[in-house]
Amino acid sequence: MAGESLRIKGEITANEDLRFEGEIEGTISVPEHTLVVGRTARVNANVQAKAIVVAGSFMGSAVASERCEVQEAATVEGTVETPRLAVKEGASLTAQILMPMPSDKRDDGVVRHDFQASVA
């Protein structure tokens, strides 16, 4: 876990689950693992992970191969690409949502949505 006082600017690559509570700017790659953006975290990054859970503030591009979860009181802005998205009550989501689907359903296999909402 990276604590609240930590400030990182650059590229992070890991072969394990990561949890951040500080400020991160750059690129985060954990393609076979879970990234947790904690309640006190402020992340401005391009992220690739198996699963992404946002409880704090996230701005950027998020690609989750399995699922993305936006928890209550979290803020997400940017682009989210994932086959499964859960947005909990109290979250704020302003993003373009890309949801891959079987190729027989659409020519390029992706459903696109521009989405802006605060779930109350």
PDB file of N, CA and C in Angstrom:
ATOM      1  N   MET A   1       0.841  -1.188   0.000  1.00  0.00           N
ATOM      2  CA  MET A   1       0.000   0.000   0.000  1.00  0.00           C
ATOM      3  C   MET A   1       0.877   1.239   0.000  1.00  0.00           C
ATOM      4  N   ALA A   2       0.523   2.216  -0.805  1.00  0.00           N
ATOM      5  CA  ALA A   2       1.187   3.508  -0.834  1.00  0.00           C
ATOM      6  C   ALA A   2       0.341   4.482  -0.025  1.00  0.00           C
ATOM      7  N   GLY A   3       0.907   5.056   1.033  1.00  0.00           N
ATOM      8  CA  GLY A   3       0.167   5.878   1.980  1.00  0.00           C
ATOM      9  C   GLY A   3      -0.198   7.266   1.493  1.00  0.00           C
ATOM     10  N   GLU A   4      -0.973   7.976   2.321  1.00  0.00           N
ATOM     11  CA  GLU A   4      -1.517   9.290   2.000  1.00  0.00           C
ATOM     12  C   GLU A   4      -0.456  10.334   1.675  1.00  0.00           C
ATOM     13  N   SER A   5       0.695  10.282   2.335  1.00  0.00           N
ATOM     14  CA  SER A   5       1.709  11.311   2.129  1.00  0.00           C
ATOM     15  C   SER A   5       2.570  11.063   0.892  1.00  0.00           C
ATOM     16  N   LEU A   6       2.411   9.942   0.237  1.00  0.00           N
ATOM     17  CA  LEU A   6       3.215   9.592  -0.925  1.00  0.00           C
ATOM     18  C   LEU A   6       2.750  10.340  -2.170  1.00  0.00           C
ATOM     19  N   ARG A   7       3.710  10.890  -2.920  1.00  0.00           N
ATOM     20  CA  ARG A   7       3.454  11.557  -4.195  1.00  0.00           C
ATOM     21  C   ARG A   7       4.325  10.866  -5.241  1.00  0.00           C
ATOM     22  N   ILE A   8       3.697  10.323  -6.282  1.00  0.00           N
ATOM     23  CA  ILE A   8       4.443   9.621  -7.331  1.00  0.00           C
ATOM     24  C   ILE A   8       4.105  10.253  -8.667  1.00  0.00           C
ATOM     25  N   LYS A   9       5.134  10.501  -9.478  1.00  0.00           N
ATOM     26  CA  LYS A   9       4.944  10.976 -10.836  1.00  0.00           C
ATOM     27  C   LYS A   9       5.817  10.107 -11.724  1.00  0.00           C
ATOM     28  N   GLY A  10       5.172   9.367 -12.652  1.00  0.00           N
ATOM     29  CA  GLY A  10       5.942   8.494 -13.530  1.00  0.00           C
ATOM     30  C   GLY A  10       5.186   7.246 -13.899  1.00  0.00           C
ATOM     31  N   GLU A  11       5.935   6.171 -14.109  1.00  0.00           N
ATOM     32  CA  GLU A  11       5.372   4.903 -14.559  1.00  0.00           C
ATOM     33  C   GLU A  11       5.489   3.850 -13.459  1.00  0.00           C
ATOM     34  N   ILE A  12       4.365   3.184 -13.175  1.00  0.00           N
ATOM     35  CA  ILE A  12       4.339   2.129 -12.167  1.00  0.00           C
ATOM     36  C   ILE A  12       3.905   0.845 -12.854  1.00  0.00           C
ATOM     37  N   THR A  13       4.708  -0.207 -12.710  1.00  0.00           N
ATOM     38  CA  THR A  13       4.384  -1.520 -13.235  1.00  0.00           C
ATOM     39  C   THR A  13       4.551  -2.508 -12.100  1.00  0.00           C
ATOM     40  N   ALA A  14       3.569  -3.407 -11.911  1.00  0.00           N
ATOM     41  CA  ALA A  14       3.657  -4.357 -10.804  1.00  0.00           C
ATOM     42  C   ALA A  14       3.029  -5.688 -11.186  1.00  0.00           C
ATOM     43  N   ASN A  15       3.475  -6.733 -10.534  1.00  0.00           N
ATOM     44  CA  ASN A  15       2.917  -8.071 -10.694  1.00  0.00           C
ATOM     45  C   ASN A  15       2.217  -8.496  -9.414  1.00  0.00           C
ATOM     46  N   GLU A  16       1.499  -7.559  -8.807  1.00  0.00           N
ATOM     47  CA  GLU A  16       0.746  -7.814  -7.588  1.00  0.00           C
ATOM     48  C   GLU A  16      -0.352  -6.767  -7.470  1.00  0.00           C
ATOM     49  N   ASP A  17      -1.320  -7.015  -6.601  1.00  0.00           N
ATOM     50  CA  ASP A  17      -2.370  -6.037  -6.338  1.00  0.00           C
ATOM     51  C   ASP A  17      -1.747  -4.782  -5.733  1.00  0.00           C
ATOM     52  N   LEU A  18      -2.298  -3.609  -6.091  1.00  0.00           N
ATOM     53  CA  LEU A  18      -1.810  -2.341  -5.557  1.00  0.00           C
ATOM     54  C   LEU A  18      -2.955  -1.553  -4.941  1.00  0.00           C
ATOM     55  N   ARG A  19      -2.641  -0.842  -3.859  1.00  0.00           N
ATOM     56  CA  ARG A  19      -3.601   0.070  -3.226  1.00  0.00           C
ATOM     57  C   ARG A  19      -2.882   1.392  -2.987  1.00  0.00           C
ATOM     58  N   PHE A  20      -3.483   2.484  -3.468  1.00  0.00           N
ATOM     59  CA  PHE A  20      -2.901   3.809  -3.295  1.00  0.00           C
ATOM     60  C   PHE A  20      -3.803   4.677  -2.454  1.00  0.00           C
ATOM     61  N   GLU A  21      -3.192   5.495  -1.582  1.00  0.00           N
ATOM     62  CA  GLU A  21      -3.910   6.496  -0.799  1.00  0.00           C
ATOM     63  C   GLU A  21      -3.353   7.890  -1.046  1.00  0.00           C
ATOM     64  N   GLY A  22      -2.233   8.004  -1.743  1.00  0.00           N
ATOM     65  CA  GLY A  22      -1.610   9.301  -1.989  1.00  0.00           C
ATOM     66  C   GLY A  22      -1.970   9.872  -3.346  1.00  0.00           C
ATOM     67  N   GLU A  23      -1.046  10.684  -3.920  1.00  0.00           N
ATOM     68  CA  GLU A  23      -1.241  11.295  -5.225  1.00  0.00           C
ATOM     69  C   GLU A  23      -0.373  10.588  -6.247  1.00  0.00           C
ATOM     70  N   ILE A  24      -0.982  10.193  -7.348  1.00  0.00           N
ATOM     71  CA  ILE A  24      -0.271   9.490  -8.410  1.00  0.00           C
ATOM     72  C   ILE A  24      -0.561  10.200  -9.724  1.00  0.00           C
ATOM     73  N   GLU A  25       0.495  10.418 -10.531  1.00  0.00           N
ATOM     74  CA  GLU A  25       0.335  10.989 -11.862  1.00  0.00           C
ATOM     75  C   GLU A  25       1.225  10.214 -12.811  1.00  0.00           C
ATOM     76  N   GLY A  26       0.648   9.713 -13.908  1.00  0.00           N
ATOM     77  CA  GLY A  26       1.457   8.995 -14.880  1.00  0.00           C
ATOM     78  C   GLY A  26       0.753   7.785 -15.457  1.00  0.00           C
ATOM     79  N   THR A  27       1.433   6.639 -15.408  1.00  0.00           N
ATOM     80  CA  THR A  27       0.927   5.391 -15.969  1.00  0.00           C
ATOM     81  C   THR A  27       1.030   4.291 -14.928  1.00  0.00           C
ATOM     82  N   ILE A  28      -0.034   3.500 -14.794  1.00  0.00           N
ATOM     83  CA  ILE A  28      -0.042   2.373 -13.856  1.00  0.00           C
ATOM     84  C   ILE A  28      -0.441   1.131 -14.632  1.00  0.00           C
ATOM     85  N   SER A  29       0.405   0.096 -14.564  1.00  0.00           N
ATOM     86  CA  SER A  29       0.128  -1.143 -15.279  1.00  0.00           C
ATOM     87  C   SER A  29       0.229  -2.335 -14.327  1.00  0.00           C
ATOM     88  N   VAL A  30      -0.919  -2.946 -14.062  1.00  0.00           N
ATOM     89  CA  VAL A  30      -1.006  -4.184 -13.277  1.00  0.00           C
ATOM     90  C   VAL A  30      -2.001  -5.099 -13.993  1.00  0.00           C
ATOM     91  N   PRO A  31      -1.652  -5.544 -15.210  1.00  0.00           N
ATOM     92  CA  PRO A  31      -2.626  -6.199 -16.082  1.00  0.00           C
ATOM     93  C   PRO A  31      -3.243  -7.489 -15.554  1.00  0.00           C
ATOM     94  N   GLU A  32      -2.604  -8.161 -14.638  1.00  0.00           N
ATOM     95  CA  GLU A  32      -3.142  -9.406 -14.087  1.00  0.00           C
ATOM     96  C   GLU A  32      -3.603  -9.258 -12.638  1.00  0.00           C
ATOM     97  N   HIS A  33      -3.734  -7.997 -12.180  1.00  0.00           N
ATOM     98  CA  HIS A  33      -4.028  -7.762 -10.768  1.00  0.00           C
ATOM     99  C   HIS A  33      -5.026  -6.627 -10.582  1.00  0.00           C
ATOM    100  N   THR A  34      -5.325  -6.334  -9.315  1.00  0.00           N
ATOM    101  CA  THR A  34      -6.310  -5.318  -8.951  1.00  0.00           C
ATOM    102  C   THR A  34      -5.621  -4.042  -8.490  1.00  0.00           C
ATOM    103  N   LEU A  35      -6.141  -2.905  -8.951  1.00  0.00           N
ATOM    104  CA  LEU A  35      -5.709  -1.599  -8.475  1.00  0.00           C
ATOM    105  C   LEU A  35      -6.832  -1.013  -7.648  1.00  0.00           C
ATOM    106  N   VAL A  36      -6.519  -0.592  -6.420  1.00  0.00           N
ATOM    107  CA  VAL A  36      -7.489   0.086  -5.554  1.00  0.00           C
ATOM    108  C   VAL A  36      -7.032   1.524  -5.372  1.00  0.00           C
ATOM    109  N   VAL A  37      -7.896   2.455  -5.759  1.00  0.00           N
ATOM    110  CA  VAL A  37      -7.670   3.882  -5.533  1.00  0.00           C
ATOM    111  C   VAL A  37      -8.418   4.194  -4.245  1.00  0.00           C
ATOM    112  N   GLY A  38      -7.670   4.330  -3.145  1.00  0.00           N
ATOM    113  CA  GLY A  38      -8.268   4.502  -1.826  1.00  0.00           C
ATOM    114  C   GLY A  38      -9.017   5.812  -1.655  1.00  0.00           C
ATOM    115  N   ARG A  39      -9.736   5.929  -0.544  1.00  0.00           N
ATOM    116  CA  ARG A  39     -10.593   7.101  -0.276  1.00  0.00           C
ATOM    117  C   ARG A  39      -9.842   8.428  -0.296  1.00  0.00           C
ATOM    118  N   THR A  40      -8.590   8.444   0.136  1.00  0.00           N
ATOM    119  CA  THR A  40      -7.828   9.689   0.182  1.00  0.00           C
ATOM    120  C   THR A  40      -6.939   9.875  -1.044  1.00  0.00           C
ATOM    121  N   ALA A  41      -6.992   8.959  -1.982  1.00  0.00           N
ATOM    122  CA  ALA A  41      -6.124   9.010  -3.165  1.00  0.00           C
ATOM    123  C   ALA A  41      -6.640   9.985  -4.211  1.00  0.00           C
ATOM    124  N   ARG A  42      -5.679  10.587  -4.918  1.00  0.00           N
ATOM    125  CA  ARG A  42      -5.962  11.408  -6.094  1.00  0.00           C
ATOM    126  C   ARG A  42      -5.064  10.883  -7.209  1.00  0.00           C
ATOM    127  N   VAL A  43      -5.672  10.205  -8.174  1.00  0.00           N
ATOM    128  CA  VAL A  43      -4.919   9.577  -9.258  1.00  0.00           C
ATOM    129  C   VAL A  43      -5.267  10.249 -10.572  1.00  0.00           C
ATOM    130  N   ASN A  44      -4.241  10.709 -11.286  1.00  0.00           N
ATOM    131  CA  ASN A  44      -4.383  11.266 -12.624  1.00  0.00           C
ATOM    132  C   ASN A  44      -3.471  10.418 -13.500  1.00  0.00           C
ATOM    133  N   ALA A  45      -4.036   9.386 -14.148  1.00  0.00           N
ATOM    134  CA  ALA A  45      -3.185   8.405 -14.810  1.00  0.00           C
ATOM    135  C   ALA A  45      -3.911   7.645 -15.906  1.00  0.00           C
ATOM    136  N   ASN A  46      -3.120   6.965 -16.703  1.00  0.00           N
ATOM    137  CA  ASN A  46      -3.605   5.953 -17.619  1.00  0.00           C
ATOM    138  C   ASN A  46      -3.358   4.626 -16.932  1.00  0.00           C
ATOM    139  N   VAL A  47      -4.420   3.845 -16.732  1.00  0.00           N
ATOM    140  CA  VAL A  47      -4.336   2.626 -15.931  1.00  0.00           C
ATOM    141  C   VAL A  47      -4.755   1.413 -16.750  1.00  0.00           C
ATOM    142  N   GLN A  48      -4.005   0.340 -16.582  1.00  0.00           N
ATOM    143  CA  GLN A  48      -4.385  -0.959 -17.139  1.00  0.00           C
ATOM    144  C   GLN A  48      -4.299  -1.963 -16.000  1.00  0.00           C
ATOM    145  N   ALA A  49      -5.426  -2.673 -15.732  1.00  0.00           N
ATOM    146  CA  ALA A  49      -5.476  -3.643 -14.643  1.00  0.00           C
ATOM    147  C   ALA A  49      -6.537  -4.694 -14.946  1.00  0.00           C
ATOM    148  N   LYS A  50      -6.491  -5.788 -14.194  1.00  0.00           N
ATOM    149  CA  LYS A  50      -7.550  -6.791 -14.309  1.00  0.00           C
ATOM    150  C   LYS A  50      -8.835  -6.230 -13.710  1.00  0.00           C
ATOM    151  N   ALA A  51      -8.714  -5.602 -12.542  1.00  0.00           N
ATOM    152  CA  ALA A  51      -9.857  -4.983 -11.867  1.00  0.00           C
ATOM    153  C   ALA A  51      -9.409  -3.642 -11.292  1.00  0.00           C
ATOM    154  N   ILE A  52     -10.317  -2.670 -11.327  1.00  0.00           N
ATOM    155  CA  ILE A  52     -10.044  -1.344 -10.765  1.00  0.00           C
ATOM    156  C   ILE A  52     -11.180  -0.996  -9.820  1.00  0.00           C
ATOM    157  N   VAL A  53     -10.817  -0.618  -8.591  1.00  0.00           N
ATOM    158  CA  VAL A  53     -11.793  -0.195  -7.584  1.00  0.00           C
ATOM    159  C   VAL A  53     -11.428   1.229  -7.191  1.00  0.00           C
ATOM    160  N   VAL A  54     -12.372   2.161  -7.396  1.00  0.00           N
ATOM    161  CA  VAL A  54     -12.111   3.567  -7.075  1.00  0.00           C
ATOM    162  C   VAL A  54     -12.973   3.976  -5.890  1.00  0.00           C
ATOM    163  N   ALA A  55     -12.309   4.408  -4.815  1.00  0.00           N
ATOM    164  CA  ALA A  55     -13.008   4.932  -3.639  1.00  0.00           C
ATOM    165  C   ALA A  55     -12.692   6.416  -3.456  1.00  0.00           C
ATOM    166  N   GLY A  56     -11.635   6.894  -4.131  1.00  0.00           N
ATOM    167  CA  GLY A  56     -11.213   8.285  -4.034  1.00  0.00           C
ATOM    168  C   GLY A  56     -11.477   9.031  -5.325  1.00  0.00           C
ATOM    169  N   SER A  57     -10.449   9.728  -5.827  1.00  0.00           N
ATOM    170  CA  SER A  57     -10.574  10.541  -7.027  1.00  0.00           C
ATOM    171  C   SER A  57      -9.695   9.972  -8.136  1.00  0.00           C
ATOM    172  N   PHE A  58     -10.289   9.735  -9.292  1.00  0.00           N
ATOM    173  CA  PHE A  58      -9.549   9.214 -10.438  1.00  0.00           C
ATOM    174  C   PHE A  58      -9.863  10.052 -11.661  1.00  0.00           C
ATOM    175  N   MET A  59      -8.813  10.466 -12.370  1.00  0.00           N
ATOM    176  CA  MET A  59      -8.963  11.180 -13.631  1.00  0.00           C
ATOM    177  C   MET A  59      -8.009  10.551 -14.631  1.00  0.00           C
ATOM    178  N   GLY A  60      -8.525  10.204 -15.810  1.00  0.00           N
ATOM    179  CA  GLY A  60      -7.666   9.627 -16.831  1.00  0.00           C
ATOM    180  C   GLY A  60      -8.354   8.533 -17.595  1.00  0.00           C
ATOM    181  N   SER A  61      -7.545   7.578 -18.048  1.00  0.00           N
ATOM    182  CA  SER A  61      -8.035   6.448 -18.820  1.00  0.00           C
ATOM    183  C   SER A  61      -7.869   5.175 -18.002  1.00  0.00           C
ATOM    184  N   ALA A  62      -8.964   4.445 -17.833  1.00  0.00           N
ATOM    185  CA  ALA A  62      -8.932   3.199 -17.054  1.00  0.00           C
ATOM    186  C   ALA A  62      -9.376   2.051 -17.948  1.00  0.00           C
ATOM    187  N   VAL A  63      -8.507   1.045 -18.088  1.00  0.00           N
ATOM    188  CA  VAL A  63      -8.840  -0.157 -18.846  1.00  0.00           C
ATOM    189  C   VAL A  63      -8.764  -1.328 -17.877  1.00  0.00           C
ATOM    190  N   ALA A  64      -9.926  -1.922 -17.584  1.00  0.00           N
ATOM    191  CA  ALA A  64     -10.006  -3.063 -16.668  1.00  0.00           C
ATOM    192  C   ALA A  64     -10.497  -4.270 -17.458  1.00  0.00           C
ATOM    193  N   SER A  65      -9.691  -5.312 -17.539  1.00  0.00           N
ATOM    194  CA  SER A  65     -10.054  -6.460 -18.372  1.00  0.00           C
ATOM    195  C   SER A  65     -11.214  -7.269 -17.812  1.00  0.00           C
ATOM    196  N   GLU A  66     -11.456  -7.183 -16.484  1.00  0.00           N
ATOM    197  CA  GLU A  66     -12.575  -7.924 -15.887  1.00  0.00           C
ATOM    198  C   GLU A  66     -13.684  -7.034 -15.352  1.00  0.00           C
ATOM    199  N   ARG A  67     -13.330  -6.020 -14.524  1.00  0.00           N
ATOM    200  CA  ARG A  67     -14.383  -5.201 -13.926  1.00  0.00           C
ATOM    201  C   ARG A  67     -13.821  -3.890 -13.395  1.00  0.00           C
ATOM    202  N   CYS A  68     -14.730  -2.904 -13.263  1.00  0.00           N
ATOM    203  CA  CYS A  68     -14.397  -1.629 -12.638  1.00  0.00           C
ATOM    204  C   CYS A  68     -15.528  -1.294 -11.674  1.00  0.00           C
ATOM    205  N   GLU A  69     -15.165  -0.856 -10.483  1.00  0.00           N
ATOM    206  CA  GLU A  69     -16.146  -0.505  -9.455  1.00  0.00           C
ATOM    207  C   GLU A  69     -15.876   0.911  -8.969  1.00  0.00           C
ATOM    208  N   VAL A  70     -16.919   1.753  -8.989  1.00  0.00           N
ATOM    209  CA  VAL A  70     -16.820   3.118  -8.478  1.00  0.00           C
ATOM    210  C   VAL A  70     -17.636   3.154  -7.195  1.00  0.00           C
ATOM    211  N   GLN A  71     -16.946   3.298  -6.065  1.00  0.00           N
ATOM    212  CA  GLN A  71     -17.608   3.221  -4.769  1.00  0.00           C
ATOM    213  C   GLN A  71     -18.248   4.549  -4.379  1.00  0.00           C
ATOM    214  N   GLU A  72     -19.085   4.489  -3.330  1.00  0.00           N
ATOM    215  CA  GLU A  72     -19.771   5.677  -2.843  1.00  0.00           C
ATOM    216  C   GLU A  72     -18.745   6.760  -2.511  1.00  0.00           C
ATOM    217  N   ALA A  73     -19.080   8.011  -2.855  1.00  0.00           N
ATOM    218  CA  ALA A  73     -18.251   9.203  -2.636  1.00  0.00           C
ATOM    219  C   ALA A  73     -17.027   9.265  -3.540  1.00  0.00           C
ATOM    220  N   ALA A  74     -16.841   8.326  -4.453  1.00  0.00           N
ATOM    221  CA  ALA A  74     -15.724   8.362  -5.395  1.00  0.00           C
ATOM    222  C   ALA A  74     -16.059   9.282  -6.564  1.00  0.00           C
ATOM    223  N   THR A  75     -15.009   9.770  -7.223  1.00  0.00           N
ATOM    224  CA  THR A  75     -15.151  10.609  -8.402  1.00  0.00           C
ATOM    225  C   THR A  75     -14.296  10.026  -9.518  1.00  0.00           C
ATOM    226  N   VAL A  76     -14.902   9.815 -10.677  1.00  0.00           N
ATOM    227  CA  VAL A  76     -14.177   9.306 -11.842  1.00  0.00           C
ATOM    228  C   VAL A  76     -14.471  10.221 -13.022  1.00  0.00           C
ATOM    229  N   GLU A  77     -13.396  10.676 -13.711  1.00  0.00           N
ATOM    230  CA  GLU A  77     -13.504  11.501 -14.908  1.00  0.00           C
ATOM    231  C   GLU A  77     -12.565  10.945 -15.959  1.00  0.00           C
ATOM    232  N   GLY A  78     -13.034  10.835 -17.200  1.00  0.00           N
ATOM    233  CA  GLY A  78     -12.161  10.376 -18.274  1.00  0.00           C
ATOM    234  C   GLY A  78     -12.794   9.298 -19.110  1.00  0.00           C
ATOM    235  N   THR A  79     -12.063   8.202 -19.302  1.00  0.00           N
ATOM    236  CA  THR A  79     -12.518   7.083 -20.108  1.00  0.00           C
ATOM    237  C   THR A  79     -12.395   5.800 -19.305  1.00  0.00           C
ATOM    238  N   VAL A  80     -13.445   4.986 -19.330  1.00  0.00           N
ATOM    239  CA  VAL A  80     -13.436   3.696 -18.645  1.00  0.00           C
ATOM    240  C   VAL A  80     -13.777   2.625 -19.668  1.00  0.00           C
ATOM    241  N   GLU A  81     -12.888   1.639 -19.805  1.00  0.00           N
ATOM    242  CA  GLU A  81     -13.134   0.506 -20.696  1.00  0.00           C
ATOM    243  C   GLU A  81     -13.108  -0.769 -19.868  1.00  0.00           C
ATOM    244  N   THR A  82     -14.237  -1.457 -19.826  1.00  0.00           N
ATOM    245  CA  THR A  82     -14.369  -2.665 -19.021  1.00  0.00           C
ATOM    246  C   THR A  82     -15.624  -3.428 -19.437  1.00  0.00           C
ATOM    247  N   PRO A  83     -15.610  -4.750 -19.313  1.00  0.00           N
ATOM    248  CA  PRO A  83     -16.830  -5.488 -19.635  1.00  0.00           C
ATOM    249  C   PRO A  83     -17.901  -5.396 -18.547  1.00  0.00           C
ATOM    250  N   ARG A  84     -17.487  -5.076 -17.301  1.00  0.00           N
ATOM    251  CA  ARG A  84     -18.446  -4.961 -16.191  1.00  0.00           C
ATOM    252  C   ARG A  84     -18.138  -3.700 -15.390  1.00  0.00           C
ATOM    253  N   LEU A  85     -19.176  -2.879 -15.181  1.00  0.00           N
ATOM    254  CA  LEU A  85     -19.027  -1.628 -14.447  1.00  0.00           C
ATOM    255  C   LEU A  85     -20.075  -1.553 -13.353  1.00  0.00           C
ATOM    256  N   ALA A  86     -19.649  -1.263 -12.125  1.00  0.00           N
ATOM    257  CA  ALA A  86     -20.565  -1.073 -11.002  1.00  0.00           C
ATOM    258  C   ALA A  86     -20.341   0.330 -10.444  1.00  0.00           C
ATOM    259  N   VAL A  87     -21.415   1.097 -10.342  1.00  0.00           N
ATOM    260  CA  VAL A  87     -21.349   2.445  -9.786  1.00  0.00           C
ATOM    261  C   VAL A  87     -22.276   2.477  -8.583  1.00  0.00           C
ATOM    262  N   LYS A  88     -21.697   2.721  -7.403  1.00  0.00           N
ATOM    263  CA  LYS A  88     -22.490   2.702  -6.178  1.00  0.00           C
ATOM    264  C   LYS A  88     -23.146   4.062  -5.914  1.00  0.00           C
ATOM    265  N   GLU A  89     -24.208   4.028  -5.141  1.00  0.00           N
ATOM    266  CA  GLU A  89     -24.932   5.229  -4.759  1.00  0.00           C
ATOM    267  C   GLU A  89     -23.984   6.220  -4.093  1.00  0.00           C
ATOM    268  N   GLY A  90     -24.057   7.489  -4.522  1.00  0.00           N
ATOM    269  CA  GLY A  90     -23.207   8.535  -3.959  1.00  0.00           C
ATOM    270  C   GLY A  90     -21.952   8.810  -4.777  1.00  0.00           C
ATOM    271  N   ALA A  91     -21.692   7.998  -5.807  1.00  0.00           N
ATOM    272  CA  ALA A  91     -20.518   8.180  -6.654  1.00  0.00           C
ATOM    273  C   ALA A  91     -20.782   9.230  -7.727  1.00  0.00           C
ATOM    274  N   SER A  92     -19.699   9.807  -8.264  1.00  0.00           N
ATOM    275  CA  SER A  92     -19.791  10.746  -9.371  1.00  0.00           C
ATOM    276  C   SER A  92     -18.977  10.181 -10.530  1.00  0.00           C
ATOM    277  N   LEU A  93     -19.615  10.060 -11.703  1.00  0.00           N
ATOM    278  CA  LEU A  93     -18.969   9.476 -12.874  1.00  0.00           C
ATOM    279  C   LEU A  93     -19.214  10.377 -14.073  1.00  0.00           C
ATOM    280  N   THR A  94     -18.133  10.943 -14.617  1.00  0.00           N
ATOM    281  CA  THR A  94     -18.190  11.745 -15.832  1.00  0.00           C
ATOM    282  C   THR A  94     -17.175  11.121 -16.777  1.00  0.00           C
ATOM    283  N   ALA A  95     -17.648  10.248 -17.671  1.00  0.00           N
ATOM    284  CA  ALA A  95     -16.702   9.466 -18.456  1.00  0.00           C
ATOM    285  C   ALA A  95     -17.322   8.947 -19.737  1.00  0.00           C
ATOM    286  N   GLN A  96     -16.438   8.626 -20.675  1.00  0.00           N
ATOM    287  CA  GLN A  96     -16.845   7.847 -21.833  1.00  0.00           C
ATOM    288  C   GLN A  96     -16.677   6.396 -21.404  1.00  0.00           C
ATOM    289  N   ILE A  97     -17.722   5.598 -21.554  1.00  0.00           N
ATOM    290  CA  ILE A  97     -17.706   4.202 -21.135  1.00  0.00           C
ATOM    291  C   ILE A  97     -17.628   3.316 -22.373  1.00  0.00           C
ATOM    292  N   LEU A  98     -16.630   2.446 -22.418  1.00  0.00           N
ATOM    293  CA  LEU A  98     -16.478   1.477 -23.495  1.00  0.00           C
ATOM    294  C   LEU A  98     -16.640   0.096 -22.885  1.00  0.00           C
ATOM    295  N   MET A  99     -17.622  -0.646 -23.367  1.00  0.00           N
ATOM    296  CA  MET A  99     -17.897  -1.973 -22.814  1.00  0.00           C
ATOM    297  C   MET A  99     -17.808  -3.026 -23.915  1.00  0.00           C
ATOM    298  N   PRO A 100     -16.704  -3.784 -23.948  1.00  0.00           N
ATOM    299  CA  PRO A 100     -16.566  -4.829 -24.972  1.00  0.00           C
ATOM    300  C   PRO A 100     -17.712  -5.821 -24.894  1.00  0.00           C
ATOM    301  N   MET A 101     -18.126  -6.281 -26.061  1.00  0.00           N
ATOM    302  CA  MET A 101     -19.191  -7.272 -26.141  1.00  0.00           C
ATOM    303  C   MET A 101     -18.848  -8.249 -27.256  1.00  0.00           C
ATOM    304  N   PRO A 102     -19.556  -9.356 -27.361  1.00  0.00           N
ATOM    305  CA  PRO A 102     -19.262 -10.323 -28.420  1.00  0.00           C
ATOM    306  C   PRO A 102     -19.285  -9.672 -29.801  1.00  0.00           C
ATOM    307  N   SER A 103     -18.345 -10.048 -30.649  1.00  0.00           N
ATOM    308  CA  SER A 103     -18.191  -9.409 -31.955  1.00  0.00           C
ATOM    309  C   SER A 103     -19.393  -9.601 -32.867  1.00  0.00           C
ATOM    310  N   ASP A 104     -20.225 -10.606 -32.622  1.00  0.00           N
ATOM    311  CA  ASP A 104     -21.407 -10.791 -33.463  1.00  0.00           C
ATOM    312  C   ASP A 104     -22.494  -9.764 -33.166  1.00  0.00           C
ATOM    313  N   LYS A 105     -22.358  -9.026 -32.075  1.00  0.00           N
ATOM    314  CA  LYS A 105     -23.346  -8.013 -31.693  1.00  0.00           C
ATOM    315  C   LYS A 105     -23.042  -6.647 -32.303  1.00  0.00           C
ATOM    316  N   ARG A 106     -21.763  -6.385 -32.610  1.00  0.00           N
ATOM    317  CA  ARG A 106     -21.369  -5.083 -33.138  1.00  0.00           C
ATOM    318  C   ARG A 106     -20.112  -5.268 -33.981  1.00  0.00           C
ATOM    319  N   ASP A 107     -19.955  -4.449 -35.020  1.00  0.00           N
ATOM    320  CA  ASP A 107     -18.826  -4.603 -35.933  1.00  0.00           C
ATOM    321  C   ASP A 107     -17.473  -4.562 -35.231  1.00  0.00           C
ATOM    322  N   ASP A 108     -17.253  -3.596 -34.333  1.00  0.00           N
ATOM    323  CA  ASP A 108     -15.950  -3.501 -33.675  1.00  0.00           C
ATOM    324  C   ASP A 108     -15.938  -4.134 -32.284  1.00  0.00           C
ATOM    325  N   GLY A 109     -17.065  -4.710 -31.843  1.00  0.00           N
ATOM    326  CA  GLY A 109     -17.108  -5.418 -30.566  1.00  0.00           C
ATOM    327  C   GLY A 109     -17.157  -4.542 -29.338  1.00  0.00           C
ATOM    328  N   VAL A 110     -17.454  -3.240 -29.483  1.00  0.00           N
ATOM    329  CA  VAL A 110     -17.461  -2.333 -28.341  1.00  0.00           C
ATOM    330  C   VAL A 110     -18.748  -1.513 -28.341  1.00  0.00           C
ATOM    331  N   VAL A 111     -19.348  -1.378 -27.173  1.00  0.00           N
ATOM    332  CA  VAL A 111     -20.484  -0.479 -26.987  1.00  0.00           C
ATOM    333  C   VAL A 111     -19.924   0.800 -26.391  1.00  0.00           C
ATOM    334  N   ARG A 112     -20.286   1.949 -26.963  1.00  0.00           N
ATOM    335  CA  ARG A 112     -19.762   3.224 -26.480  1.00  0.00           C
ATOM    336  C   ARG A 112     -20.888   4.038 -25.852  1.00  0.00           C
ATOM    337  N   HIS A 113     -20.594   4.651 -24.710  1.00  0.00           N
ATOM    338  CA  HIS A 113     -21.546   5.522 -24.035  1.00  0.00           C
ATOM    339  C   HIS A 113     -20.796   6.743 -23.524  1.00  0.00           C
ATOM    340  N   ASP A 114     -21.364   7.924 -23.700  1.00  0.00           N
ATOM    341  CA  ASP A 114     -20.870   9.095 -23.002  1.00  0.00           C
ATOM    342  C   ASP A 114     -21.782   9.240 -21.800  1.00  0.00           C
ATOM    343  N   PHE A 115     -21.202   9.267 -20.622  1.00  0.00           N
ATOM    344  CA  PHE A 115     -21.998   9.145 -19.417  1.00  0.00           C
ATOM    345  C   PHE A 115     -21.578  10.204 -18.412  1.00  0.00           C
ATOM    346  N   GLN A 116     -22.541  10.911 -17.864  1.00  0.00           N
ATOM    347  CA  GLN A 116     -22.267  11.863 -16.798  1.00  0.00           C
ATOM    348  C   GLN A 116     -23.380  11.723 -15.785  1.00  0.00           C
ATOM    349  N   ALA A 117     -23.006  11.382 -14.564  1.00  0.00           N
ATOM    350  CA  ALA A 117     -24.037  11.214 -13.547  1.00  0.00           C
ATOM    351  C   ALA A 117     -23.437  11.297 -12.161  1.00  0.00           C
ATOM    352  N   SER A 118     -24.253  11.713 -11.262  1.00  0.00           N
ATOM    353  CA  SER A 118     -23.967  11.593  -9.845  1.00  0.00           C
ATOM    354  C   SER A 118     -25.067  10.696  -9.302  1.00  0.00           C
ATOM    355  N   VAL A 119     -24.678   9.586  -8.731  1.00  0.00           N
ATOM    356  CA  VAL A 119     -25.649   8.631  -8.217  1.00  0.00           C
ATOM    357  C   VAL A 119     -25.977   9.016  -6.799  1.00  0.00           C
ATOM    358  N   ALA A 120     -27.228   9.357  -6.552  1.00  0.00           N
ATOM    359  CA  ALA A 120     -27.609   9.829  -5.213  1.00  0.00           C
ATOM    360  C   ALA A 120     -28.419   8.796  -4.482  1.00  0.00           C
TER     361      ALA A 120
END
